[in-house]
Amino acid sequence: MSPSPAPDDRYQAFRRLHQSGCFVIPNPWDAGSARLLAQLGFKALATTSSGFAWSLGRRDRHITLDDSLGHLCAISASVDVPVNADFEAAFAIEPEDVAANVQRAAATGVAGLSVEDSTGDASKPLFAFDLALERIRAARRALDDAGGKVLLTARAENHAPLAERIRRLTAFAEAGADCLFAPGLRSLGEITEVVRAVAPKPVNVLVGSDFTNVAELADAGVRRISVGGALARAAWAGFFRAAREIAEQGTFTALAAGTPSAEMERAFPA
């Protein structure tokens, strides 16, 4: 096995990926899925808050800061490629607390992290514009104080109309975000509008179904494509099919679709 690259190499490699072209950054939920994705040749990976929460038997947004930091350390240590952290809303409200938590996340070995403007409160799902902007500024300052190596992605969640999300994304870009992300975009028209609004900063698009493909998104100017919890959901789909068959029918036919043990054993080092 070749030696692992130095951390600086991961930071630099991650930033280079955002400079031109279009790349897919799939989302593992544990060390095993991270290693398999790296073996498939993906140049970077991103954690998924939902996939990780489900692996702990919890709902999305129901993990703690310490849970998240431990997970980021584990994923970063398991692969040689850069890892981007789904850091949810930074597990904080006030900008100074966002900064403190972002600095802790930056120390886990991740090459990038995202901070979103979602509160997790259904009655008031987004932080007010001014507070959301100050939170991104605080995250930027924290990463700069930590050496300026970790790439910052700012997320404008899909609880607002597209025009408001674009307003937020352009403000986040001016506040120092390196990459912009608006989950929930479902048409190439919307995606192109976002790409143009924040250019030349790169845009991440979330794909959780087959509404598009890499070539179309690349043509639209998208730089980064993630899948969020979709790979975890696909894995859980196979689990549910097999387990429900056993529980409800007492048969085991779905198990035949499983990856052979020999292939799994070859995938992981001794």
C-alpha atoms as a PDB file:
ATOM      1  CA  MET A   1       0.000   0.000   0.000  1.00  0.00           C
ATOM      2  CA  SER A   2       1.341   3.424  -0.941  1.00  0.00           C
ATOM      3  CA  PRO A   3       1.901   5.881   1.893  1.00  0.00           C
ATOM      4  CA  SER A   4      -1.001   8.164   2.801  1.00  0.00           C
ATOM      5  CA  PRO A   5      -0.678  11.701   1.436  1.00  0.00           C
ATOM      6  CA  ALA A   6       0.163  14.471   3.857  1.00  0.00           C
ATOM      7  CA  PRO A   7      -2.824  16.489   5.057  1.00  0.00           C
ATOM      8  CA  ASP A   8      -1.658  19.501   3.040  1.00  0.00           C
ATOM      9  CA  ASP A   9      -1.891  17.375  -0.111  1.00  0.00           C
ATOM     10  CA  ARG A  10      -5.556  16.645   0.597  1.00  0.00           C
ATOM     11  CA  TYR A  11      -6.365  20.312   1.161  1.00  0.00           C
ATOM     12  CA  GLN A  12      -4.633  21.301  -2.063  1.00  0.00           C
ATOM     13  CA  ALA A  13      -6.165  18.444  -4.043  1.00  0.00           C
ATOM     14  CA  PHE A  14      -9.635  19.385  -2.829  1.00  0.00           C
ATOM     15  CA  ARG A  15      -9.222  23.005  -3.849  1.00  0.00           C
ATOM     16  CA  ARG A  16      -7.925  21.975  -7.278  1.00  0.00           C
ATOM     17  CA  LEU A  17     -11.064  19.924  -7.865  1.00  0.00           C
ATOM     18  CA  HIS A  18     -13.122  23.092  -7.427  1.00  0.00           C
ATOM     19  CA  GLN A  19     -11.122  25.124  -9.951  1.00  0.00           C
ATOM     20  CA  SER A  20     -12.357  23.569 -13.195  1.00  0.00           C
ATOM     21  CA  GLY A  21     -14.449  20.734 -14.564  1.00  0.00           C
ATOM     22  CA  CYS A  22     -17.110  18.781 -12.702  1.00  0.00           C
ATOM     23  CA  PHE A  23     -16.657  16.002 -10.146  1.00  0.00           C
ATOM     24  CA  VAL A  24     -18.896  13.703  -8.122  1.00  0.00           C
ATOM     25  CA  ILE A  25     -18.348  13.680  -4.367  1.00  0.00           C
ATOM     26  CA  PRO A  26     -20.380  10.695  -3.063  1.00  0.00           C
ATOM     27  CA  ASN A  27     -21.452  10.407   0.557  1.00  0.00           C
ATOM     28  CA  PRO A  28     -20.376   7.421   2.678  1.00  0.00           C
ATOM     29  CA  TRP A  29     -21.885   6.913   6.113  1.00  0.00           C
ATOM     30  CA  ASP A  30     -19.121   4.876   7.785  1.00  0.00           C
ATOM     31  CA  ALA A  31     -15.490   3.880   7.300  1.00  0.00           C
ATOM     32  CA  GLY A  32     -16.341   0.793   5.257  1.00  0.00           C
ATOM     33  CA  SER A  33     -18.497   2.635   2.726  1.00  0.00           C
ATOM     34  CA  ALA A  34     -15.859   5.389   2.554  1.00  0.00           C
ATOM     35  CA  ARG A  35     -13.124   2.898   1.700  1.00  0.00           C
ATOM     36  CA  LEU A  36     -15.222   1.227  -0.977  1.00  0.00           C
ATOM     37  CA  LEU A  37     -16.030   4.554  -2.632  1.00  0.00           C
ATOM     38  CA  ALA A  38     -12.369   5.549  -2.592  1.00  0.00           C
ATOM     39  CA  GLN A  39     -11.490   2.215  -4.192  1.00  0.00           C
ATOM     40  CA  LEU A  40     -13.961   2.971  -6.999  1.00  0.00           C
ATOM     41  CA  GLY A  41     -11.829   5.964  -7.909  1.00  0.00           C
ATOM     42  CA  PHE A  42     -13.777   8.919  -6.555  1.00  0.00           C
ATOM     43  CA  LYS A  43     -11.356  11.774  -5.971  1.00  0.00           C
ATOM     44  CA  ALA A  44     -13.126  13.125  -2.865  1.00  0.00           C
ATOM     45  CA  LEU A  45     -15.871  12.074  -0.459  1.00  0.00           C
ATOM     46  CA  ALA A  46     -18.401  13.896   1.693  1.00  0.00           C
ATOM     47  CA  THR A  47     -20.084  12.789   4.880  1.00  0.00           C
ATOM     48  CA  THR A  48     -23.873  12.639   5.160  1.00  0.00           C
ATOM     49  CA  SER A  49     -25.577  13.735   8.355  1.00  0.00           C
ATOM     50  CA  SER A  50     -28.670  11.662   7.575  1.00  0.00           C
ATOM     51  CA  GLY A  51     -26.758   8.508   6.622  1.00  0.00           C
ATOM     52  CA  PHE A  52     -24.643   8.739   9.746  1.00  0.00           C
ATOM     53  CA  ALA A  53     -27.656   9.398  11.989  1.00  0.00           C
ATOM     54  CA  TRP A  54     -29.507   6.383  10.572  1.00  0.00           C
ATOM     55  CA  SER A  55     -26.474   4.189  11.230  1.00  0.00           C
ATOM     56  CA  LEU A  56     -26.844   5.153  14.909  1.00  0.00           C
ATOM     57  CA  GLY A  57     -30.570   4.469  14.894  1.00  0.00           C
ATOM     58  CA  ARG A  58     -31.469   8.170  15.002  1.00  0.00           C
ATOM     59  CA  ARG A  59     -33.207  10.672  12.759  1.00  0.00           C
ATOM     60  CA  ASP A  60     -31.280  13.241  10.765  1.00  0.00           C
ATOM     61  CA  ARG A  61     -30.240  16.268  12.837  1.00  0.00           C
ATOM     62  CA  HIS A  62     -30.400  14.190  16.019  1.00  0.00           C
ATOM     63  CA  ILE A  63     -26.684  13.612  16.508  1.00  0.00           C
ATOM     64  CA  THR A  64     -24.538  15.635  18.877  1.00  0.00           C
ATOM     65  CA  LEU A  65     -21.529  17.795  18.150  1.00  0.00           C
ATOM     66  CA  ASP A  66     -19.252  15.179  19.725  1.00  0.00           C
ATOM     67  CA  ASP A  67     -20.916  12.459  17.619  1.00  0.00           C
ATOM     68  CA  SER A  68     -20.204  14.492  14.509  1.00  0.00           C
ATOM     69  CA  LEU A  69     -16.593  15.285  15.384  1.00  0.00           C
ATOM     70  CA  GLY A  70     -15.836  11.648  16.159  1.00  0.00           C
ATOM     71  CA  HIS A  71     -17.422  10.613  12.870  1.00  0.00           C
ATOM     72  CA  LEU A  72     -15.393  13.157  10.905  1.00  0.00           C
ATOM     73  CA  CYS A  73     -12.183  11.895  12.481  1.00  0.00           C
ATOM     74  CA  ALA A  74     -13.086   8.290  11.645  1.00  0.00           C
ATOM     75  CA  ILE A  75     -13.999   8.969   8.020  1.00  0.00           C
ATOM     76  CA  SER A  76     -10.986  11.217   7.392  1.00  0.00           C
ATOM     77  CA  ALA A  77      -8.628   8.618   8.857  1.00  0.00           C
ATOM     78  CA  SER A  78     -10.131   5.776   6.816  1.00  0.00           C
ATOM     79  CA  VAL A  79      -9.255   7.089   3.336  1.00  0.00           C
ATOM     80  CA  ASP A  80      -6.484   8.935   1.530  1.00  0.00           C
ATOM     81  CA  VAL A  81      -8.779  11.200  -0.514  1.00  0.00           C
ATOM     82  CA  PRO A  82     -10.105  14.565   0.725  1.00  0.00           C
ATOM     83  CA  VAL A  83     -13.274  14.485   2.829  1.00  0.00           C
ATOM     84  CA  ASN A  84     -15.878  17.227   3.058  1.00  0.00           C
ATOM     85  CA  ALA A  85     -17.900  17.424   6.266  1.00  0.00           C
ATOM     86  CA  ASP A  86     -21.667  17.786   6.342  1.00  0.00           C
ATOM     87  CA  PHE A  87     -21.488  19.914   9.479  1.00  0.00           C
ATOM     88  CA  GLU A  88     -25.219  20.641   9.513  1.00  0.00           C
ATOM     89  CA  ALA A  89     -25.842  24.082  11.084  1.00  0.00           C
ATOM     90  CA  ALA A  90     -22.540  23.887  12.987  1.00  0.00           C
ATOM     91  CA  PHE A  91     -24.424  22.685  16.080  1.00  0.00           C
ATOM     92  CA  ALA A  92     -24.841  26.288  17.171  1.00  0.00           C
ATOM     93  CA  ILE A  93     -26.927  29.403  16.693  1.00  0.00           C
ATOM     94  CA  GLU A  94     -24.778  32.383  17.590  1.00  0.00           C
ATOM     95  CA  PRO A  95     -21.856  33.259  15.293  1.00  0.00           C
ATOM     96  CA  GLU A  96     -19.233  32.984  18.025  1.00  0.00           C
ATOM     97  CA  ASP A  97     -20.398  29.448  18.814  1.00  0.00           C
ATOM     98  CA  VAL A  98     -20.406  28.589  15.116  1.00  0.00           C
ATOM     99  CA  ALA A  99     -16.786  29.749  14.940  1.00  0.00           C
ATOM    100  CA  ALA A 100     -15.739  27.641  17.924  1.00  0.00           C
ATOM    101  CA  ASN A 101     -17.369  24.503  16.542  1.00  0.00           C
ATOM    102  CA  VAL A 102     -16.038  25.055  13.028  1.00  0.00           C
ATOM    103  CA  GLN A 103     -12.508  25.277  14.416  1.00  0.00           C
ATOM    104  CA  ARG A 104     -13.027  21.941  16.156  1.00  0.00           C
ATOM    105  CA  ALA A 105     -14.303  20.400  12.921  1.00  0.00           C
ATOM    106  CA  ALA A 106     -11.313  21.759  11.004  1.00  0.00           C
ATOM    107  CA  ALA A 107      -9.032  19.860  13.397  1.00  0.00           C
ATOM    108  CA  THR A 108     -10.551  16.464  12.474  1.00  0.00           C
ATOM    109  CA  GLY A 109      -8.646  16.166   9.196  1.00  0.00           C
ATOM    110  CA  VAL A 110     -11.460  17.146   6.814  1.00  0.00           C
ATOM    111  CA  ALA A 111     -10.483  19.146   3.738  1.00  0.00           C
ATOM    112  CA  GLY A 112     -13.781  21.008   3.612  1.00  0.00           C
ATOM    113  CA  LEU A 113     -16.988  21.544   5.551  1.00  0.00           C
ATOM    114  CA  SER A 114     -20.449  22.949   4.943  1.00  0.00           C
ATOM    115  CA  VAL A 115     -22.544  25.195   7.159  1.00  0.00           C
ATOM    116  CA  GLU A 116     -26.258  25.542   6.465  1.00  0.00           C
ATOM    117  CA  ASP A 117     -28.860  28.187   7.269  1.00  0.00           C
ATOM    118  CA  SER A 118     -31.509  25.724   8.428  1.00  0.00           C
ATOM    119  CA  THR A 119     -32.629  25.901  12.068  1.00  0.00           C
ATOM    120  CA  GLY A 120     -34.242  22.457  12.299  1.00  0.00           C
ATOM    121  CA  ASP A 121     -37.383  24.159  13.635  1.00  0.00           C
ATOM    122  CA  ALA A 122     -40.375  23.519  11.360  1.00  0.00           C
ATOM    123  CA  SER A 123     -42.140  26.652  12.587  1.00  0.00           C
ATOM    124  CA  LYS A 124     -39.171  28.841  11.629  1.00  0.00           C
ATOM    125  CA  PRO A 125     -36.959  26.746   9.356  1.00  0.00           C
ATOM    126  CA  LEU A 126     -34.330  29.325   8.387  1.00  0.00           C
ATOM    127  CA  PHE A 127     -32.085  31.632  10.353  1.00  0.00           C
ATOM    128  CA  ALA A 128     -32.888  35.286   9.645  1.00  0.00           C
ATOM    129  CA  PHE A 129     -30.869  36.642   6.731  1.00  0.00           C
ATOM    130  CA  ASP A 130     -28.548  38.845   8.777  1.00  0.00           C
ATOM    131  CA  LEU A 131     -27.863  36.099  11.324  1.00  0.00           C
ATOM    132  CA  ALA A 132     -27.294  33.515   8.577  1.00  0.00           C
ATOM    133  CA  LEU A 133     -24.781  35.859   6.965  1.00  0.00           C
ATOM    134  CA  GLU A 134     -22.952  36.506  10.225  1.00  0.00           C
ATOM    135  CA  ARG A 135     -22.745  32.764  10.814  1.00  0.00           C
ATOM    136  CA  ILE A 136     -20.949  32.289   7.482  1.00  0.00           C
ATOM    137  CA  ARG A 137     -18.628  35.201   8.230  1.00  0.00           C
ATOM    138  CA  ALA A 138     -17.825  33.620  11.591  1.00  0.00           C
ATOM    139  CA  ALA A 139     -17.116  30.263   9.944  1.00  0.00           C
ATOM    140  CA  ARG A 140     -14.832  31.996   7.433  1.00  0.00           C
ATOM    141  CA  ARG A 141     -12.877  33.748  10.183  1.00  0.00           C
ATOM    142  CA  ALA A 142     -12.568  30.509  12.138  1.00  0.00           C
ATOM    143  CA  LEU A 143     -11.160  28.628   9.158  1.00  0.00           C
ATOM    144  CA  ASP A 144      -8.766  31.465   8.375  1.00  0.00           C
ATOM    145  CA  ASP A 145      -7.582  31.432  11.986  1.00  0.00           C
ATOM    146  CA  ALA A 146      -7.071  27.673  11.650  1.00  0.00           C
ATOM    147  CA  GLY A 147      -4.707  28.168   8.724  1.00  0.00           C
ATOM    148  CA  GLY A 148      -7.078  28.866   5.845  1.00  0.00           C
ATOM    149  CA  LYS A 149      -6.741  25.391   4.350  1.00  0.00           C
ATOM    150  CA  VAL A 150     -10.232  23.968   4.880  1.00  0.00           C
ATOM    151  CA  LEU A 151     -12.669  24.826   2.096  1.00  0.00           C
ATOM    152  CA  LEU A 152     -15.953  26.424   3.250  1.00  0.00           C
ATOM    153  CA  THR A 153     -19.262  25.548   1.599  1.00  0.00           C
ATOM    154  CA  ALA A 154     -22.308  27.647   2.486  1.00  0.00           C
ATOM    155  CA  ARG A 155     -25.744  26.067   2.125  1.00  0.00           C
ATOM    156  CA  ALA A 156     -29.015  27.906   1.481  1.00  0.00           C
ATOM    157  CA  GLU A 157     -31.665  25.339   2.309  1.00  0.00           C
ATOM    158  CA  ASN A 158     -34.808  24.713   0.271  1.00  0.00           C
ATOM    159  CA  HIS A 159     -37.264  26.218   2.767  1.00  0.00           C
ATOM    160  CA  ALA A 160     -37.302  29.503   0.829  1.00  0.00           C
ATOM    161  CA  PRO A 161     -38.225  30.472  -2.751  1.00  0.00           C
ATOM    162  CA  LEU A 162     -35.414  30.279  -5.278  1.00  0.00           C
ATOM    163  CA  ALA A 163     -34.978  34.051  -5.383  1.00  0.00           C
ATOM    164  CA  GLU A 164     -34.352  34.148  -1.620  1.00  0.00           C
ATOM    165  CA  ARG A 165     -31.936  31.238  -1.815  1.00  0.00           C
ATOM    166  CA  ILE A 166     -30.004  33.035  -4.557  1.00  0.00           C
ATOM    167  CA  ARG A 167     -29.980  36.208  -2.444  1.00  0.00           C
ATOM    168  CA  ARG A 168     -28.486  34.243   0.408  1.00  0.00           C
ATOM    169  CA  LEU A 169     -25.985  32.367  -1.732  1.00  0.00           C
ATOM    170  CA  THR A 170     -24.626  35.540  -3.325  1.00  0.00           C
ATOM    171  CA  ALA A 171     -24.282  37.120   0.121  1.00  0.00           C
ATOM    172  CA  PHE A 172     -22.578  33.989   1.446  1.00  0.00           C
ATOM    173  CA  ALA A 173     -20.150  34.106  -1.486  1.00  0.00           C
ATOM    174  CA  GLU A 174     -19.287  37.730  -0.687  1.00  0.00           C
ATOM    175  CA  ALA A 175     -18.856  36.744   2.984  1.00  0.00           C
ATOM    176  CA  GLY A 176     -16.099  34.306   2.055  1.00  0.00           C
ATOM    177  CA  ALA A 177     -17.720  30.971   1.214  1.00  0.00           C
ATOM    178  CA  ASP A 178     -15.570  29.040  -1.250  1.00  0.00           C
ATOM    179  CA  CYS A 179     -18.420  26.921  -2.631  1.00  0.00           C
ATOM    180  CA  LEU A 180     -22.187  27.436  -2.716  1.00  0.00           C
ATOM    181  CA  PHE A 181     -24.878  24.797  -2.239  1.00  0.00           C
ATOM    182  CA  ALA A 182     -28.669  24.989  -2.566  1.00  0.00           C
ATOM    183  CA  PRO A 183     -30.174  21.557  -1.858  1.00  0.00           C
ATOM    184  CA  GLY A 184     -33.488  20.821  -3.521  1.00  0.00           C
ATOM    185  CA  LEU A 185     -32.841  22.229  -6.988  1.00  0.00           C
ATOM    186  CA  ARG A 186     -34.781  19.996  -9.360  1.00  0.00           C
ATOM    187  CA  SER A 187     -34.530  21.571 -12.792  1.00  0.00           C
ATOM    188  CA  LEU A 188     -31.620  22.491 -15.031  1.00  0.00           C
ATOM    189  CA  GLY A 189     -33.133  25.951 -15.344  1.00  0.00           C
ATOM    190  CA  GLU A 190     -32.925  26.558 -11.602  1.00  0.00           C
ATOM    191  CA  ILE A 191     -29.461  25.048 -11.420  1.00  0.00           C
ATOM    192  CA  THR A 192     -28.185  27.242 -14.257  1.00  0.00           C
ATOM    193  CA  GLU A 193     -29.688  30.320 -12.579  1.00  0.00           C
ATOM    194  CA  VAL A 194     -27.821  29.567  -9.356  1.00  0.00           C
ATOM    195  CA  VAL A 195     -24.546  28.858 -11.172  1.00  0.00           C
ATOM    196  CA  ARG A 196     -24.752  32.189 -13.007  1.00  0.00           C
ATOM    197  CA  ALA A 197     -25.720  34.126  -9.882  1.00  0.00           C
ATOM    198  CA  VAL A 198     -22.662  33.111  -7.857  1.00  0.00           C
ATOM    199  CA  ALA A 199     -20.096  32.786 -10.670  1.00  0.00           C
ATOM    200  CA  PRO A 200     -17.161  32.409 -10.646  1.00  0.00           C
ATOM    201  CA  LYS A 201     -17.553  30.590  -7.311  1.00  0.00           C
ATOM    202  CA  PRO A 202     -18.242  26.843  -7.712  1.00  0.00           C
ATOM    203  CA  VAL A 203     -21.671  25.329  -7.050  1.00  0.00           C
ATOM    204  CA  ASN A 204     -22.537  21.967  -5.477  1.00  0.00           C
ATOM    205  CA  VAL A 205     -25.744  20.270  -6.648  1.00  0.00           C
ATOM    206  CA  LEU A 206     -27.423  17.503  -4.666  1.00  0.00           C
ATOM    207  CA  VAL A 207     -28.733  14.569  -6.712  1.00  0.00           C
ATOM    208  CA  GLY A 208     -30.937  12.100  -4.843  1.00  0.00           C
ATOM    209  CA  SER A 209     -32.761  10.555  -7.815  1.00  0.00           C
ATOM    210  CA  ASP A 210     -32.408  10.130 -11.567  1.00  0.00           C
ATOM    211  CA  PHE A 211     -33.650  13.582 -12.633  1.00  0.00           C
ATOM    212  CA  THR A 212     -30.336  14.413 -14.318  1.00  0.00           C
ATOM    213  CA  ASN A 213     -26.843  13.086 -15.006  1.00  0.00           C
ATOM    214  CA  VAL A 214     -23.241  14.183 -14.702  1.00  0.00           C
ATOM    215  CA  ALA A 215     -22.933  15.337 -18.311  1.00  0.00           C
ATOM    216  CA  GLU A 216     -26.002  17.610 -18.067  1.00  0.00           C
ATOM    217  CA  LEU A 217     -24.832  19.151 -14.824  1.00  0.00           C
ATOM    218  CA  ALA A 218     -21.342  19.687 -16.188  1.00  0.00           C
ATOM    219  CA  ASP A 219     -22.832  21.463 -19.217  1.00  0.00           C
ATOM    220  CA  ALA A 220     -24.825  23.673 -16.822  1.00  0.00           C
ATOM    221  CA  GLY A 221     -21.589  24.776 -15.162  1.00  0.00           C
ATOM    222  CA  VAL A 222     -21.923  22.738 -11.968  1.00  0.00           C
ATOM    223  CA  ARG A 223     -18.567  22.032 -10.389  1.00  0.00           C
ATOM    224  CA  ARG A 224     -19.466  19.496  -7.661  1.00  0.00           C
ATOM    225  CA  ILE A 225     -22.193  16.833  -7.392  1.00  0.00           C
ATOM    226  CA  SER A 226     -23.111  15.134  -4.108  1.00  0.00           C
ATOM    227  CA  VAL A 227     -25.772  12.528  -3.340  1.00  0.00           C
ATOM    228  CA  GLY A 228     -26.432  13.170   0.354  1.00  0.00           C
ATOM    229  CA  GLY A 229     -28.112  10.235   2.052  1.00  0.00           C
ATOM    230  CA  ALA A 230     -29.116   8.581  -1.237  1.00  0.00           C
ATOM    231  CA  LEU A 231     -26.412   5.884  -1.176  1.00  0.00           C
ATOM    232  CA  ALA A 232     -27.338   5.068   2.419  1.00  0.00           C
ATOM    233  CA  ARG A 233     -31.007   4.857   1.399  1.00  0.00           C
ATOM    234  CA  ALA A 234     -30.086   2.548  -1.463  1.00  0.00           C
ATOM    235  CA  ALA A 235     -28.199   0.279   0.953  1.00  0.00           C
ATOM    236  CA  TRP A 236     -31.083   0.326   3.434  1.00  0.00           C
ATOM    237  CA  ALA A 237     -33.477  -0.578   0.586  1.00  0.00           C
ATOM    238  CA  GLY A 238     -31.665  -3.876   0.072  1.00  0.00           C
ATOM    239  CA  PHE A 239     -31.646  -4.499   3.811  1.00  0.00           C
ATOM    240  CA  PHE A 240     -35.391  -3.830   4.130  1.00  0.00           C
ATOM    241  CA  ARG A 241     -36.259  -6.075   1.175  1.00  0.00           C
ATOM    242  CA  ALA A 242     -34.348  -9.020   2.607  1.00  0.00           C
ATOM    243  CA  ALA A 243     -35.354  -8.513   6.232  1.00  0.00           C
ATOM    244  CA  ARG A 244     -39.052  -8.017   5.435  1.00  0.00           C
ATOM    245  CA  GLU A 245     -39.086 -11.145   3.295  1.00  0.00           C
ATOM    246  CA  ILE A 246     -37.670 -13.150   6.182  1.00  0.00           C
ATOM    247  CA  ALA A 247     -40.040 -11.594   8.732  1.00  0.00           C
ATOM    248  CA  GLU A 248     -43.207 -11.750   6.615  1.00  0.00           C
ATOM    249  CA  GLN A 249     -42.715 -14.799   4.396  1.00  0.00           C
ATOM    250  CA  GLY A 250     -40.116 -16.915   6.116  1.00  0.00           C
ATOM    251  CA  THR A 251     -38.097 -17.134   2.892  1.00  0.00           C
ATOM    252  CA  PHE A 252     -34.594 -15.985   2.012  1.00  0.00           C
ATOM    253  CA  THR A 253     -34.535 -15.363  -1.751  1.00  0.00           C
ATOM    254  CA  ALA A 254     -33.480 -11.686  -1.449  1.00  0.00           C
ATOM    255  CA  LEU A 255     -30.245 -12.730   0.222  1.00  0.00           C
ATOM    256  CA  ALA A 256     -29.050 -14.085  -3.135  1.00  0.00           C
ATOM    257  CA  ALA A 257     -28.676 -10.491  -4.364  1.00  0.00           C
ATOM    258  CA  GLY A 258     -26.096  -9.725  -1.691  1.00  0.00           C
ATOM    259  CA  THR A 259     -22.486  -8.990  -2.543  1.00  0.00           C
ATOM    260  CA  PRO A 260     -20.473 -12.217  -2.154  1.00  0.00           C
ATOM    261  CA  SER A 261     -18.447 -12.486   1.045  1.00  0.00           C
ATOM    262  CA  ALA A 262     -15.267 -13.083  -0.946  1.00  0.00           C
ATOM    263  CA  GLU A 263     -15.695  -9.766  -2.765  1.00  0.00           C
ATOM    264  CA  MET A 264     -16.264  -7.941   0.522  1.00  0.00           C
ATOM    265  CA  GLU A 265     -13.198  -9.557   2.053  1.00  0.00           C
ATOM    266  CA  ARG A 266     -11.052  -8.507  -0.911  1.00  0.00           C
ATOM    267  CA  ALA A 267     -12.234  -4.921  -0.503  1.00  0.00           C
ATOM    268  CA  PHE A 268     -10.833  -4.443   2.978  1.00  0.00           C
ATOM    269  CA  PRO A 269      -7.276  -4.815   4.276  1.00  0.00           C
ATOM    270  CA  ALA A 270      -6.500  -7.496   6.807  1.00  0.00           C
END
